[in-house]
C-alpha atoms as a PDB file:
ATOM      1  CA  MET A   1     -51.929 224.648 346.757  1.00  0.00           C
ATOM      2  CA  LYS A   2     -51.745 221.406 344.282  1.00  0.00           C
ATOM      3  CA  LEU A   3     -52.244 220.760 341.122  1.00  0.00           C
ATOM      4  CA  VAL A   4     -52.549 217.263 339.094  1.00  0.00           C
ATOM      5  CA  LEU A   5     -51.900 216.914 335.528  1.00  0.00           C
ATOM      6  CA  LEU A   6     -53.617 213.540 334.620  1.00  0.00           C
ATOM      7  CA  ASP A   7     -52.217 213.063 331.320  1.00  0.00           C
ATOM      8  CA  ALA A   8     -49.391 215.380 329.854  1.00  0.00           C
ATOM      9  CA  GLN A   9     -48.206 212.845 327.443  1.00  0.00           C
ATOM     10  CA  THR A  10     -50.956 214.582 325.114  1.00  0.00           C
ATOM     11  CA  LEU A  11     -49.078 217.842 325.619  1.00  0.00           C
ATOM     12  CA  GLY A  12     -46.119 216.763 324.336  1.00  0.00           C
ATOM     13  CA  LYS A  13     -42.385 216.033 325.720  1.00  0.00           C
ATOM     14  CA  ASP A  14     -41.126 219.243 324.260  1.00  0.00           C
ATOM     15  CA  LEU A  15     -42.762 221.643 326.671  1.00  0.00           C
ATOM     16  CA  ASP A  16     -42.010 222.833 329.495  1.00  0.00           C
ATOM     17  CA  LEU A  17     -44.513 222.747 332.247  1.00  0.00           C
ATOM     18  CA  ALA A  18     -42.602 223.896 334.525  1.00  0.00           C
ATOM     19  CA  VAL A  19     -44.286 227.488 334.647  1.00  0.00           C
ATOM     20  CA  LEU A  20     -47.130 225.414 336.341  1.00  0.00           C
ATOM     21  CA  LYS A  21     -45.512 225.372 339.280  1.00  0.00           C
ATOM     22  CA  GLN A  22     -46.007 229.007 340.289  1.00  0.00           C
ATOM     23  CA  PHE A  23     -48.985 228.058 341.382  1.00  0.00           C
ATOM     24  CA  GLY A  24     -48.173 225.360 343.523  1.00  0.00           C
ATOM     25  CA  GLU A  25     -47.346 221.606 344.181  1.00  0.00           C
ATOM     26  CA  LEU A  26     -47.308 220.127 340.545  1.00  0.00           C
ATOM     27  CA  ILE A  27     -47.710 216.054 339.965  1.00  0.00           C
ATOM     28  CA  THR A  28     -47.982 214.764 336.401  1.00  0.00           C
ATOM     29  CA  TYR A  29     -48.639 211.897 335.236  1.00  0.00           C
ATOM     30  CA  PRO A  30     -48.100 210.829 331.232  1.00  0.00           C
ATOM     31  CA  THR A  31     -51.602 208.769 331.046  1.00  0.00           C
ATOM     32  CA  THR A  32     -54.552 208.248 333.583  1.00  0.00           C
ATOM     33  CA  SER A  33     -56.473 205.503 333.416  1.00  0.00           C
ATOM     34  CA  ALA A  34     -60.276 205.220 334.815  1.00  0.00           C
ATOM     35  CA  LYS A  35     -59.358 203.184 337.805  1.00  0.00           C
ATOM     36  CA  GLU A  36     -56.820 205.251 338.691  1.00  0.00           C
ATOM     37  CA  THR A  37     -58.253 208.938 338.374  1.00  0.00           C
ATOM     38  CA  ALA A  38     -60.129 209.056 341.629  1.00  0.00           C
ATOM     39  CA  ASP A  39     -57.144 208.380 343.529  1.00  0.00           C
ATOM     40  CA  ARG A  40     -54.736 210.783 341.873  1.00  0.00           C
ATOM     41  CA  ILE A  41     -57.227 213.676 342.433  1.00  0.00           C
ATOM     42  CA  ARG A  42     -58.551 212.739 345.781  1.00  0.00           C
ATOM     43  CA  ASP A  43     -56.257 215.704 347.206  1.00  0.00           C
ATOM     44  CA  THR A  44     -55.786 218.041 344.711  1.00  0.00           C
ATOM     45  CA  GLU A  45     -57.118 221.528 344.056  1.00  0.00           C
ATOM     46  CA  ILE A  46     -56.422 222.037 340.650  1.00  0.00           C
ATOM     47  CA  ILE A  47     -57.094 219.038 338.107  1.00  0.00           C
ATOM     48  CA  LEU A  48     -55.749 219.344 334.207  1.00  0.00           C
ATOM     49  CA  THR A  49     -57.253 217.016 331.695  1.00  0.00           C
ATOM     50  CA  ASN A  50     -57.116 217.016 328.254  1.00  0.00           C
ATOM     51  CA  LYS A  51     -59.222 213.755 327.668  1.00  0.00           C
ATOM     52  CA  VAL A  52     -59.727 211.524 331.083  1.00  0.00           C
ATOM     53  CA  ILE A  53     -63.308 211.647 332.174  1.00  0.00           C
ATOM     54  CA  ILE A  54     -64.182 213.735 335.179  1.00  0.00           C
ATOM     55  CA  ASP A  55     -67.791 212.810 336.157  1.00  0.00           C
ATOM     56  CA  ARG A  56     -69.719 213.717 339.431  1.00  0.00           C
ATOM     57  CA  PRO A  57     -68.897 210.702 341.428  1.00  0.00           C
ATOM     58  CA  LEU A  58     -65.323 211.572 341.231  1.00  0.00           C
ATOM     59  CA  MET A  59     -65.898 214.895 341.959  1.00  0.00           C
ATOM     60  CA  GLU A  60     -67.508 214.496 344.988  1.00  0.00           C
ATOM     61  CA  GLN A  61     -64.767 212.262 346.142  1.00  0.00           C
ATOM     62  CA  ALA A  62     -62.363 214.889 345.578  1.00  0.00           C
ATOM     63  CA  SER A  63     -63.253 217.251 348.256  1.00  0.00           C
ATOM     64  CA  ARG A  64     -60.696 219.908 348.310  1.00  0.00           C
ATOM     65  CA  LEU A  65     -61.166 220.225 344.198  1.00  0.00           C
ATOM     66  CA  LYS A  66     -61.813 223.846 343.017  1.00  0.00           C
ATOM     67  CA  LEU A  67     -60.822 224.284 339.213  1.00  0.00           C
ATOM     68  CA  ILE A  68     -60.761 221.619 336.226  1.00  0.00           C
ATOM     69  CA  CYS A  69     -58.511 222.894 333.850  1.00  0.00           C
ATOM     70  CA  VAL A  70     -59.714 221.451 330.164  1.00  0.00           C
ATOM     71  CA  THR A  71     -56.209 221.683 328.521  1.00  0.00           C
ATOM     72  CA  ALA A  72     -58.195 221.452 325.459  1.00  0.00           C
ATOM     73  CA  THR A  73     -61.133 223.497 323.590  1.00  0.00           C
ATOM     74  CA  GLY A  74     -63.834 220.630 323.815  1.00  0.00           C
ATOM     75  CA  MET A  75     -65.161 220.008 327.453  1.00  0.00           C
ATOM     76  CA  ASN A  76     -67.425 216.714 326.899  1.00  0.00           C
ATOM     77  CA  ASN A  77     -65.162 214.719 329.315  1.00  0.00           C
ATOM     78  CA  ILE A  78     -66.421 216.651 332.260  1.00  0.00           C
ATOM     79  CA  ASP A  79     -69.562 216.628 333.902  1.00  0.00           C
ATOM     80  CA  LEU A  80     -70.333 220.249 333.683  1.00  0.00           C
ATOM     81  CA  ASN A  81     -73.907 220.345 335.328  1.00  0.00           C
ATOM     82  CA  ALA A  82     -72.201 218.446 338.431  1.00  0.00           C
ATOM     83  CA  ALA A  83     -69.224 221.018 338.427  1.00  0.00           C
ATOM     84  CA  GLU A  84     -71.508 224.150 338.865  1.00  0.00           C
ATOM     85  CA  SER A  85     -74.363 222.156 341.493  1.00  0.00           C
ATOM     86  CA  LEU A  86     -70.671 221.442 343.495  1.00  0.00           C
ATOM     87  CA  GLY A  87     -69.177 224.769 343.159  1.00  0.00           C
ATOM     88  CA  ILE A  88     -66.275 223.655 340.922  1.00  0.00           C
ATOM     89  CA  THR A  89     -65.113 225.800 338.172  1.00  0.00           C
ATOM     90  CA  VAL A  90     -64.282 224.235 334.892  1.00  0.00           C
ATOM     91  CA  LYS A  91     -62.168 226.677 332.732  1.00  0.00           C
ATOM     92  CA  ASN A  92     -60.994 225.264 328.880  1.00  0.00           C
ATOM     93  CA  VAL A  93     -58.803 226.934 326.360  1.00  0.00           C
ATOM     94  CA  ALA A  94     -60.091 228.643 322.882  1.00  0.00           C
ATOM     95  CA  GLY A  95     -58.731 229.611 319.665  1.00  0.00           C
ATOM     96  CA  TYR A  96     -55.143 228.292 320.553  1.00  0.00           C
ATOM     97  CA  SER A  97     -55.373 225.725 317.235  1.00  0.00           C
ATOM     98  CA  THR A  98     -56.871 227.331 315.007  1.00  0.00           C
ATOM     99  CA  HIS A  99     -53.778 227.947 312.198  1.00  0.00           C
ATOM    100  CA  SER A 100     -52.595 224.250 313.304  1.00  0.00           C
ATOM    101  CA  VAL A 101     -55.989 222.777 312.492  1.00  0.00           C
ATOM    102  CA  ALA A 102     -56.303 225.064 309.091  1.00  0.00           C
ATOM    103  CA  GLN A 103     -52.848 223.899 307.918  1.00  0.00           C
ATOM    104  CA  HIS A 104     -53.498 220.150 308.526  1.00  0.00           C
ATOM    105  CA  THR A 105     -56.535 220.620 306.467  1.00  0.00           C
ATOM    106  CA  PHE A 106     -55.140 221.516 303.571  1.00  0.00           C
ATOM    107  CA  ALA A 107     -51.855 219.079 303.998  1.00  0.00           C
ATOM    108  CA  THR A 108     -54.700 216.402 304.176  1.00  0.00           C
ATOM    109  CA  ALA A 109     -56.512 217.923 300.973  1.00  0.00           C
ATOM    110  CA  LEU A 110     -53.467 218.416 298.724  1.00  0.00           C
ATOM    111  CA  TYR A 111     -52.035 214.491 300.048  1.00  0.00           C
ATOM    112  CA  LEU A 112     -55.572 213.361 298.381  1.00  0.00           C
ATOM    113  CA  ILE A 113     -56.241 215.557 295.637  1.00  0.00           C
ATOM    114  CA  GLU A 114     -52.217 215.240 294.326  1.00  0.00           C
ATOM    115  CA  LYS A 115     -52.520 211.375 294.860  1.00  0.00           C
ATOM    116  CA  LEU A 116     -49.058 212.078 296.740  1.00  0.00           C
ATOM    117  CA  ALA A 117     -49.451 208.416 298.556  1.00  0.00           C
ATOM    118  CA  TYR A 118     -49.139 206.766 294.608  1.00  0.00           C
ATOM    119  CA  TYR A 119     -46.388 208.993 293.473  1.00  0.00           C
ATOM    120  CA  ASN A 120     -43.843 208.849 296.245  1.00  0.00           C
ATOM    121  CA  GLN A 121     -45.006 205.110 296.232  1.00  0.00           C
ATOM    122  CA  ILE A 122     -43.405 204.768 292.611  1.00  0.00           C
ATOM    123  CA  VAL A 123     -40.348 206.686 292.747  1.00  0.00           C
ATOM    124  CA  LYS A 124     -39.175 204.928 296.183  1.00  0.00           C
ATOM    125  CA  GLU A 125     -39.634 201.525 294.673  1.00  0.00           C
ATOM    126  CA  LYS A 126     -38.001 202.468 291.888  1.00  0.00           C
ATOM    127  CA  SER A 127     -40.484 201.561 288.974  1.00  0.00           C
ATOM    128  CA  TRP A 128     -40.459 205.320 287.857  1.00  0.00           C
ATOM    129  CA  SER A 129     -36.693 204.805 287.249  1.00  0.00           C
ATOM    130  CA  LYS A 130     -37.677 201.736 284.987  1.00  0.00           C
ATOM    131  CA  GLN A 131     -40.069 203.773 282.713  1.00  0.00           C
ATOM    132  CA  ALA A 132     -39.047 205.870 279.145  1.00  0.00           C
ATOM    133  CA  LEU A 133     -41.114 208.729 279.977  1.00  0.00           C
ATOM    134  CA  PHE A 134     -39.549 211.800 282.101  1.00  0.00           C
ATOM    135  CA  THR A 135     -43.141 212.096 283.860  1.00  0.00           C
ATOM    136  CA  ASP A 136     -45.739 210.173 285.311  1.00  0.00           C
ATOM    137  CA  VAL A 137     -49.474 211.074 284.565  1.00  0.00           C
ATOM    138  CA  SER A 138     -51.534 208.137 285.154  1.00  0.00           C
ATOM    139  CA  ARG A 139     -53.047 209.402 288.539  1.00  0.00           C
ATOM    140  CA  PRO A 140     -54.567 212.846 287.355  1.00  0.00           C
ATOM    141  CA  TYR A 141     -54.647 215.495 289.783  1.00  0.00           C
ATOM    142  CA  PHE A 142     -57.119 218.807 290.191  1.00  0.00           C
ATOM    143  CA  GLU A 143     -56.224 222.178 290.958  1.00  0.00           C
ATOM    144  CA  ILE A 144     -58.664 223.823 293.846  1.00  0.00           C
ATOM    145  CA  ALA A 145     -58.354 227.209 292.012  1.00  0.00           C
ATOM    146  CA  GLY A 146     -61.797 226.958 290.433  1.00  0.00           C
ATOM    147  CA  LYS A 147     -63.917 224.636 291.873  1.00  0.00           C
ATOM    148  CA  GLN A 148     -66.532 224.860 295.348  1.00  0.00           C
ATOM    149  CA  TRP A 149     -65.045 224.291 298.671  1.00  0.00           C
ATOM    150  CA  GLY A 150     -67.640 223.642 301.401  1.00  0.00           C
ATOM    151  CA  ILE A 151     -67.367 223.919 304.660  1.00  0.00           C
ATOM    152  CA  ILE A 152     -69.610 222.625 308.033  1.00  0.00           C
ATOM    153  CA  GLY A 153     -68.835 224.190 311.205  1.00  0.00           C
ATOM    154  CA  MET A 154     -67.873 228.356 310.206  1.00  0.00           C
ATOM    155  CA  GLY A 155     -66.352 229.376 313.360  1.00  0.00           C
ATOM    156  CA  SER A 156     -62.714 230.480 313.795  1.00  0.00           C
ATOM    157  CA  ILE A 157     -61.136 227.144 312.350  1.00  0.00           C
ATOM    158  CA  GLY A 158     -63.993 227.219 309.381  1.00  0.00           C
ATOM    159  CA  GLN A 159     -63.273 230.946 308.727  1.00  0.00           C
ATOM    160  CA  GLU A 160     -59.720 230.403 308.871  1.00  0.00           C
ATOM    161  CA  VAL A 161     -60.059 227.990 305.934  1.00  0.00           C
ATOM    162  CA  ALA A 162     -62.314 229.701 304.045  1.00  0.00           C
ATOM    163  CA  LYS A 163     -59.931 232.456 303.997  1.00  0.00           C
ATOM    164  CA  ILE A 164     -56.853 229.893 302.816  1.00  0.00           C
ATOM    165  CA  ALA A 165     -59.102 227.973 300.028  1.00  0.00           C
ATOM    166  CA  THR A 166     -60.416 231.662 298.516  1.00  0.00           C
ATOM    167  CA  ALA A 167     -56.455 232.480 298.384  1.00  0.00           C
ATOM    168  CA  PHE A 168     -56.266 228.873 296.082  1.00  0.00           C
ATOM    169  CA  GLY A 169     -58.950 230.365 294.267  1.00  0.00           C
ATOM    170  CA  ALA A 170     -61.919 228.537 295.100  1.00  0.00           C
ATOM    171  CA  THR A 171     -65.480 229.218 295.716  1.00  0.00           C
ATOM    172  CA  VAL A 172     -66.358 228.796 299.294  1.00  0.00           C
ATOM    173  CA  SER A 173     -69.746 227.895 300.840  1.00  0.00           C
ATOM    174  CA  TYR A 174     -71.001 226.585 304.083  1.00  0.00           C
ATOM    175  CA  HIS A 175     -73.533 225.505 306.179  1.00  0.00           C
ATOM    176  CA  SER A 176     -74.315 225.965 309.747  1.00  0.00           C
ATOM    177  CA  THR A 177     -75.298 222.799 312.036  1.00  0.00           C
ATOM    178  CA  SER A 178     -77.019 224.958 314.653  1.00  0.00           C
ATOM    179  CA  GLY A 179     -78.974 226.981 311.891  1.00  0.00           C
ATOM    180  CA  GLY A 180     -77.777 230.495 313.524  1.00  0.00           C
ATOM    181  CA  ASN A 181     -74.448 231.013 311.674  1.00  0.00           C
ATOM    182  CA  THR A 182     -75.709 232.295 308.877  1.00  0.00           C
ATOM    183  CA  GLN A 183     -73.828 236.037 308.232  1.00  0.00           C
ATOM    184  CA  GLN A 184     -70.803 234.775 306.974  1.00  0.00           C
ATOM    185  CA  PRO A 185     -69.535 236.509 303.831  1.00  0.00           C
ATOM    186  CA  TYR A 186     -70.070 232.777 302.188  1.00  0.00           C
ATOM    187  CA  THR A 187     -72.837 231.636 300.642  1.00  0.00           C
ATOM    188  CA  HIS A 188     -74.820 229.789 303.437  1.00  0.00           C
ATOM    189  CA  LYS A 189     -76.637 226.046 302.369  1.00  0.00           C
ATOM    190  CA  SER A 190     -78.434 223.181 302.720  1.00  0.00           C
ATOM    191  CA  LEU A 191     -76.272 220.773 303.992  1.00  0.00           C
ATOM    192  CA  GLU A 192     -78.167 218.650 301.171  1.00  0.00           C
ATOM    193  CA  ALA A 193     -77.467 221.325 298.790  1.00  0.00           C
ATOM    194  CA  LEU A 194     -73.500 221.791 300.046  1.00  0.00           C
ATOM    195  CA  LEU A 195     -72.778 218.363 299.928  1.00  0.00           C
ATOM    196  CA  ARG A 196     -74.058 217.901 296.197  1.00  0.00           C
ATOM    197  CA  ASP A 197     -71.907 221.101 295.291  1.00  0.00           C
ATOM    198  CA  SER A 198     -68.775 220.781 297.052  1.00  0.00           C
ATOM    199  CA  ASP A 199     -65.376 219.599 295.242  1.00  0.00           C
ATOM    200  CA  ILE A 200     -63.784 219.495 298.408  1.00  0.00           C
ATOM    201  CA  LEU A 201     -65.686 219.391 301.743  1.00  0.00           C
ATOM    202  CA  SER A 202     -64.300 220.001 305.220  1.00  0.00           C
ATOM    203  CA  ILE A 203     -66.225 219.719 308.526  1.00  0.00           C
ATOM    204  CA  HIS A 204     -64.988 221.999 311.485  1.00  0.00           C
ATOM    205  CA  ALA A 205     -67.608 221.688 313.872  1.00  0.00           C
ATOM    206  CA  PRO A 206     -68.359 220.278 317.346  1.00  0.00           C
ATOM    207  CA  LEU A 207     -69.655 216.769 318.052  1.00  0.00           C
ATOM    208  CA  ASN A 208     -73.402 217.648 319.662  1.00  0.00           C
ATOM    209  CA  ALA A 209     -76.953 216.386 318.946  1.00  0.00           C
ATOM    210  CA  GLN A 210     -77.214 218.264 315.815  1.00  0.00           C
ATOM    211  CA  THR A 211     -73.683 216.770 314.580  1.00  0.00           C
ATOM    212  CA  HIS A 212     -73.804 213.455 315.468  1.00  0.00           C
ATOM    213  CA  ASN A 213     -73.727 210.878 312.339  1.00  0.00           C
ATOM    214  CA  LEU A 214     -74.127 214.133 310.758  1.00  0.00           C
ATOM    215  CA  LEU A 215     -73.315 212.092 307.338  1.00  0.00           C
ATOM    216  CA  HIS A 216     -74.416 208.847 306.799  1.00  0.00           C
ATOM    217  CA  ARG A 217     -75.458 206.403 304.294  1.00  0.00           C
ATOM    218  CA  GLY A 218     -78.531 208.709 303.181  1.00  0.00           C
ATOM    219  CA  ASN A 219     -76.591 211.434 302.486  1.00  0.00           C
ATOM    220  CA  LEU A 220     -72.960 210.588 301.624  1.00  0.00           C
ATOM    221  CA  PRO A 221     -73.986 209.630 298.065  1.00  0.00           C
ATOM    222  CA  LEU A 222     -75.251 213.101 297.197  1.00  0.00           C
ATOM    223  CA  LEU A 223     -71.274 213.945 297.607  1.00  0.00           C
ATOM    224  CA  LYS A 224     -70.087 214.263 293.805  1.00  0.00           C
ATOM    225  CA  GLU A 225     -67.388 211.735 291.571  1.00  0.00           C
ATOM    226  CA  GLY A 226     -64.161 212.091 292.875  1.00  0.00           C
ATOM    227  CA  ALA A 227     -64.744 214.431 295.926  1.00  0.00           C
ATOM    228  CA  VAL A 228     -62.700 214.881 299.193  1.00  0.00           C
ATOM    229  CA  LEU A 229     -64.151 214.920 302.562  1.00  0.00           C
ATOM    230  CA  LEU A 230     -61.968 216.080 304.972  1.00  0.00           C
ATOM    231  CA  ASN A 231     -63.015 215.472 308.951  1.00  0.00           C
ATOM    232  CA  MET A 232     -60.841 217.729 310.823  1.00  0.00           C
ATOM    233  CA  GLY A 233     -63.833 218.198 313.798  1.00  0.00           C
ATOM    234  CA  ARG A 234     -64.536 214.960 315.997  1.00  0.00           C
ATOM    235  CA  GLY A 235     -65.085 210.997 315.304  1.00  0.00           C
ATOM    236  CA  GLY A 236     -68.780 210.863 315.297  1.00  0.00           C
ATOM    237  CA  ILE A 237     -69.912 213.677 313.016  1.00  0.00           C
ATOM    238  CA  ILE A 238     -69.189 211.464 310.230  1.00  0.00           C
ATOM    239  CA  HIS A 239     -70.555 207.789 310.642  1.00  0.00           C
ATOM    240  CA  GLU A 240     -67.523 205.601 309.719  1.00  0.00           C
ATOM    241  CA  ILE A 241     -69.009 202.316 308.756  1.00  0.00           C
ATOM    242  CA  ASP A 242     -71.274 204.116 305.957  1.00  0.00           C
ATOM    243  CA  LEU A 243     -68.037 205.773 304.937  1.00  0.00           C
ATOM    244  CA  ALA A 244     -66.042 203.209 304.680  1.00  0.00           C
ATOM    245  CA  ALA A 245     -69.016 201.416 302.505  1.00  0.00           C
ATOM    246  CA  GLU A 246     -68.795 204.353 300.299  1.00  0.00           C
ATOM    247  CA  LEU A 247     -64.598 204.704 300.051  1.00  0.00           C
ATOM    248  CA  ASN A 248     -65.696 200.820 298.509  1.00  0.00           C
ATOM    249  CA  ARG A 249     -68.259 201.661 296.470  1.00  0.00           C
ATOM    250  CA  ARG A 250     -66.784 204.434 294.444  1.00  0.00           C
ATOM    251  CA  GLU A 251     -64.213 206.646 293.739  1.00  0.00           C
ATOM    252  CA  LEU A 252     -64.575 208.875 296.490  1.00  0.00           C
ATOM    253  CA  TYR A 253     -61.794 210.454 299.036  1.00  0.00           C
ATOM    254  CA  ALA A 254     -61.612 210.763 302.615  1.00  0.00           C
ATOM    255  CA  GLY A 255     -59.141 212.615 305.312  1.00  0.00           C
ATOM    256  CA  LEU A 256     -59.787 212.228 308.924  1.00  0.00           C
ATOM    257  CA  ASP A 257     -58.319 213.457 311.782  1.00  0.00           C
ATOM    258  CA  THR A 258     -60.255 212.339 314.361  1.00  0.00           C
ATOM    259  CA  THR A 259     -62.585 209.171 314.623  1.00  0.00           C
ATOM    260  CA  VAL A 260     -64.660 207.862 317.119  1.00  0.00           C
ATOM    261  CA  GLN A 261     -62.777 205.813 319.284  1.00  0.00           C
ATOM    262  CA  GLU A 262     -59.026 206.701 319.251  1.00  0.00           C
ATOM    263  CA  PRO A 263     -56.789 205.145 318.802  1.00  0.00           C
ATOM    264  CA  ILE A 264     -59.055 203.757 315.852  1.00  0.00           C
ATOM    265  CA  GLN A 265     -59.416 199.934 316.369  1.00  0.00           C
ATOM    266  CA  ALA A 266     -56.945 197.282 314.787  1.00  0.00           C
ATOM    267  CA  ASP A 267     -59.697 195.725 312.799  1.00  0.00           C
ATOM    268  CA  HIS A 268     -62.148 199.300 311.697  1.00  0.00           C
ATOM    269  CA  PRO A 269     -63.526 198.549 308.526  1.00  0.00           C
ATOM    270  CA  LEU A 270     -61.905 201.898 307.810  1.00  0.00           C
ATOM    271  CA  LEU A 271     -58.673 200.103 308.146  1.00  0.00           C
ATOM    272  CA  ARG A 272     -59.475 197.309 305.777  1.00  0.00           C
ATOM    273  CA  LEU A 273     -60.534 199.013 302.550  1.00  0.00           C
ATOM    274  CA  THR A 274     -60.569 197.722 298.936  1.00  0.00           C
ATOM    275  CA  HIS A 275     -58.799 201.315 297.425  1.00  0.00           C
ATOM    276  CA  PRO A 276     -56.855 201.719 300.527  1.00  0.00           C
ATOM    277  CA  ASP A 277     -55.390 205.183 298.491  1.00  0.00           C
ATOM    278  CA  ARG A 278     -59.176 207.011 298.966  1.00  0.00           C
ATOM    279  CA  LEU A 279     -58.454 207.222 302.364  1.00  0.00           C
ATOM    280  CA  LEU A 280     -55.927 208.897 304.908  1.00  0.00           C
ATOM    281  CA  VAL A 281     -56.064 208.956 308.842  1.00  0.00           C
ATOM    282  CA  THR A 282     -53.667 210.610 310.969  1.00  0.00           C
ATOM    283  CA  PRO A 283     -54.009 210.224 314.773  1.00  0.00           C
ATOM    284  CA  HIS A 284     -55.563 213.575 315.933  1.00  0.00           C
ATOM    285  CA  ILE A 285     -52.322 215.915 315.611  1.00  0.00           C
ATOM    286  CA  ALA A 286     -54.125 218.859 313.667  1.00  0.00           C
ATOM    287  CA  TRP A 287     -54.616 220.981 316.745  1.00  0.00           C
ATOM    288  CA  ALA A 288     -51.036 219.841 317.842  1.00  0.00           C
ATOM    289  CA  SER A 289     -48.207 222.031 316.015  1.00  0.00           C
ATOM    290  CA  ILE A 290     -45.544 223.296 318.714  1.00  0.00           C
ATOM    291  CA  GLU A 291     -46.749 226.413 318.594  1.00  0.00           C
ATOM    292  CA  ALA A 292     -50.499 225.207 318.823  1.00  0.00           C
ATOM    293  CA  ARG A 293     -49.084 223.554 322.048  1.00  0.00           C
ATOM    294  CA  LYS A 294     -47.387 226.857 323.366  1.00  0.00           C
ATOM    295  CA  LYS A 295     -50.087 228.941 323.096  1.00  0.00           C
ATOM    296  CA  LEU A 296     -52.254 226.066 324.976  1.00  0.00           C
ATOM    297  CA  LEU A 297     -49.917 226.053 327.707  1.00  0.00           C
ATOM    298  CA  GLU A 298     -49.955 230.022 327.848  1.00  0.00           C
ATOM    299  CA  GLY A 299     -54.254 230.017 328.075  1.00  0.00           C
ATOM    300  CA  ILE A 300     -54.320 227.063 330.925  1.00  0.00           C
ATOM    301  CA  VAL A 301     -51.757 229.410 332.759  1.00  0.00           C
ATOM    302  CA  ALA A 302     -53.736 232.389 332.237  1.00  0.00           C
ATOM    303  CA  ASN A 303     -57.040 230.467 333.502  1.00  0.00           C
ATOM    304  CA  ILE A 304     -55.464 229.672 336.624  1.00  0.00           C
ATOM    305  CA  ARG A 305     -54.452 233.096 337.340  1.00  0.00           C
ATOM    306  CA  SER A 306     -57.861 234.411 336.240  1.00  0.00           C
ATOM    307  CA  PHE A 307     -59.507 231.468 338.716  1.00  0.00           C
ATOM    308  CA  LEU A 308     -56.730 232.194 341.888  1.00  0.00           C
ATOM    309  CA  LYS A 309     -57.877 236.679 341.097  1.00  0.00           C
ATOM    310  CA  GLU A 310     -61.372 235.590 340.881  1.00  0.00           C
ATOM    311  CA  SER A 311     -61.247 233.639 344.278  1.00  0.00           C
ATOM    312  CA  ALA A 312     -59.296 236.201 345.851  1.00  0.00           C
END
């Protein structure tokens, strides 16, 4: 059996992929462009991909293809309808990054809340060394305790964030974008109410028809002055141009781990803010702790084994 991993670089160099060789011949590529995909999957039975798009024409050309393993949770890069009609199994890995994303959510929140970029800078530029006072309280920060933490998307990650926020002393409320997840032990609110009430608002929802441009110029102004907005879900949930305008207009803070285009364009308005200290952008790393990536690899192995058992 032939396995092709199309974007091994997304898993990191520190993972030992040799475990996949138990299933057959393993061919790995650091990255794969759209022009290279067809040739690389032509004679393979199993494709492993994180973000490489596999559509119907590609599947039809890969006559031996039996299984597509998505090395992530989201499967929006796979034409699922085409796979079903062609008898190709698609498996993803869910739940591997819950702790990693939750941790990164709080790392981002605390960086912004405590104005760490500024305080780190004044020390390393030695301006603090020239001051007469032992401290610098020119950039006040607030405590999470006693504040309102809003969550959009109360799945496993949202629930983990809610648990930690509660441990910090925050009051948690949330909004279900599907309208169906309203039985959590926290107050469910309309989107508008959640925006108005939250001191910190974190997004942990998938990108779909209900969440595309969920936050935009019409409702971003509802956020409190000085509020912290975190997107750990998917780029496209927040309208980025509208967010840039809002960050320029008033004191609002945003932490993004996902953007519409990844990597973000060098000339993007978010990278040209009047007040760049109001924004922290990380390169889609919330999911990627070493522990999470090990769990991901374990999930991939389990998916291949279960497929082979089902197919026997």
